[in-house]
Protein backbone atom coordinates (compact mmCIF):
# COMPACT_ATOMS: atom_id res chain seq x y z
CA UNK A 1 -0.16 0.01 -0.01
CA UNK A 2 1.75 2.92 -1.06
CA UNK A 3 1.58 6.48 1.33
CA UNK A 4 -1.34 8.12 -0.92
CA UNK A 5 -3.50 5.21 -0.28
CA UNK A 6 -2.96 5.13 3.43
CA UNK A 7 -3.79 9.32 3.94
CA UNK A 8 -6.78 8.17 2.62
CA UNK A 9 -8.01 5.67 4.43
CA UNK A 10 -7.36 7.48 7.23
CA UNK A 11 -9.01 10.33 6.23
CA UNK A 12 -12.08 8.30 5.05
CA UNK A 13 -12.29 6.42 8.51
CA UNK A 14 -11.39 9.31 11.04
CA UNK A 15 -12.47 11.98 9.01
CA UNK A 16 -8.98 14.49 9.73
CA UNK A 17 -7.79 16.09 6.54
CA UNK A 18 -5.01 14.89 4.49
CA UNK A 19 -2.06 17.51 6.19
CA UNK A 20 -2.84 15.32 9.61
CA UNK A 21 -3.41 11.86 8.12
CA UNK A 22 0.45 12.70 6.39
CA UNK A 23 1.91 14.14 9.59
CA UNK A 24 0.40 11.47 11.89
CA UNK A 25 1.93 9.16 9.38
CA UNK A 26 5.48 10.39 8.85
CA UNK A 27 5.19 10.55 13.03
CA UNK A 28 3.94 6.52 13.34
CA UNK A 29 6.85 5.71 10.16
CA UNK A 30 3.74 4.20 8.10
CA UNK A 31 2.21 2.11 10.18
CA UNK A 32 -1.59 1.87 9.62
CA UNK A 33 -2.52 1.13 13.42
CA UNK A 34 0.38 3.07 14.76
CA UNK A 35 -1.09 5.80 13.52
CA UNK A 36 -4.75 4.85 14.56
CA UNK A 37 -3.46 4.71 18.30
CA UNK A 38 -1.75 8.27 18.05
CA UNK A 39 -4.81 10.10 16.40
CA UNK A 40 -6.63 8.47 19.55
CA UNK A 41 -4.50 8.98 22.13
CA UNK A 42 -4.87 13.13 21.20
CA UNK A 43 -8.67 12.82 20.42
CA UNK A 44 -9.02 12.92 17.21
CA UNK A 45 -11.09 9.60 16.78
CA UNK A 46 -12.69 7.23 19.20
CA UNK A 47 -12.48 3.58 20.06
CA UNK A 48 -14.13 1.09 19.02
CA UNK A 49 -14.10 0.78 14.84
CA UNK A 50 -15.97 2.77 12.09
CA UNK A 51 -18.69 1.75 9.79
CA UNK A 52 -17.28 1.89 6.51
CA UNK A 53 -18.40 5.75 6.11
CA UNK A 54 -16.78 8.42 5.93
CA UNK A 55 -17.71 9.73 9.05
CA UNK A 56 -16.34 13.72 10.06
CA UNK A 57 -15.72 13.32 14.40
CA UNK A 58 -15.46 15.73 16.31
CA UNK A 59 -13.52 15.32 19.59
CA UNK A 60 -16.18 15.45 22.34
CA UNK A 61 -14.68 16.51 25.82
CA UNK A 62 -16.85 15.10 28.51
CA UNK A 63 -17.80 17.14 31.24
CA UNK A 64 -16.18 13.93 33.86
CA UNK A 65 -12.94 15.31 32.08
CA UNK A 66 -12.65 18.70 33.38
CA UNK A 67 -9.57 20.40 34.87
CA UNK A 68 -11.46 22.42 37.41
CA UNK A 69 -15.46 22.92 38.88
CA UNK A 70 -15.92 25.99 36.86
CA UNK A 71 -14.99 24.54 33.51
CA UNK A 72 -16.74 21.34 34.74
CA UNK A 73 -20.06 23.23 35.12
CA UNK A 74 -19.29 25.18 31.85
CA UNK A 75 -19.17 21.99 30.22
CA UNK A 76 -22.20 20.30 32.55
CA UNK A 77 -24.31 23.25 31.46
CA UNK A 78 -23.46 23.10 27.26
CA UNK A 79 -24.13 19.77 27.29
CA UNK A 80 -27.56 20.09 29.21
CA UNK A 81 -29.29 22.82 27.55
CA UNK A 82 -27.90 20.43 23.80
CA UNK A 83 -30.04 18.00 25.41
CA UNK A 84 -32.90 19.95 26.09
CA UNK A 85 -33.03 21.20 23.29
CA UNK A 86 -32.89 17.66 21.18
CA UNK A 87 -36.04 17.53 24.06
CA UNK A 88 -38.20 20.29 22.38
CA UNK A 89 -36.97 19.33 18.86
CA UNK A 90 -38.83 16.12 18.98
CA UNK A 91 -42.23 15.50 19.21
CA UNK A 92 -44.98 12.99 20.40
CA UNK A 93 -47.00 11.54 17.66
CA UNK A 94 -50.31 10.22 18.60
CA UNK A 95 -52.61 8.72 16.44
CA UNK A 96 -55.94 7.87 16.37
CA UNK A 97 -58.16 6.98 12.45
CA UNK A 98 -56.93 9.29 10.60
CA UNK A 99 -56.31 12.25 13.57
CA UNK A 100 -52.81 13.20 14.13
CA UNK A 101 -51.91 15.50 17.79
CA UNK A 102 -48.42 16.44 17.89
CA UNK A 103 -46.80 18.58 20.93
CA UNK A 104 -42.97 18.41 22.12
CA UNK A 105 -41.81 15.58 23.88
CA UNK A 106 -40.52 17.51 27.09
CA UNK A 107 -44.16 18.41 27.45
CA UNK A 108 -44.79 15.00 27.40
CA UNK A 109 -42.38 13.58 29.73
CA UNK A 110 -42.83 16.46 32.42
CA UNK A 111 -46.19 15.37 32.39
CA UNK A 112 -45.69 11.70 33.36
CA UNK A 113 -43.76 13.67 36.12
CA UNK A 114 -46.20 15.88 37.66
CA UNK A 115 -49.18 12.58 37.20
CA UNK A 116 -47.16 10.11 36.36
CA UNK A 117 -50.33 7.01 37.27
CA UNK A 118 -53.04 9.07 35.81
CA UNK A 119 -50.87 9.54 32.88
CA UNK A 120 -49.85 6.14 32.67
CA UNK A 121 -53.92 4.68 32.54
CA UNK A 122 -54.88 7.02 30.23
CA UNK A 123 -52.04 5.86 28.02
CA UNK A 124 -52.93 1.87 28.15
CA UNK A 125 -56.53 3.16 27.63
CA UNK A 126 -55.94 4.88 24.36
CA UNK A 127 -53.66 2.08 23.52
CA UNK A 128 -56.39 0.03 23.90
CA UNK A 129 -58.70 1.99 21.82
CA UNK A 130 -56.06 1.95 19.41
CA UNK A 131 -54.37 4.92 19.88
CA UNK A 132 -50.52 4.55 18.26
CA UNK A 133 -47.90 6.48 19.96
CA UNK A 134 -44.37 7.27 18.24
CA UNK A 135 -41.39 9.59 18.23
CA UNK A 136 -40.98 12.36 15.36
CA UNK A 137 -37.10 13.64 15.86
CA UNK A 138 -36.38 16.61 13.65
């Protein structure tokens, strides 16, 4: 395998640039396994293999990786807000015959938390009556 093929494999499998691929290949002595290990250590790829598709991997630090309390709080809040945005964008879809009702998933979760037993009974009864529930992610 020539140097260009090795670089293309790293670019396609790891989501890095050709410049980064060339640098890591030189650093590893053109050993593909060593190059992957170096990229993983530097946080450019995550462990666990790849799917065979082109991937653009963004190194994402977790709040538990923080070096100070302030950094931990900032990272935690950023992840919390991101998760809340996903909940707000997601919709609970209730369908019965030709009628469809959509509302934010977060509203459904809050209703379950506030009135959990009556909600559980209502969901079971509605399912018996033919309602279908699904989640729509935008």
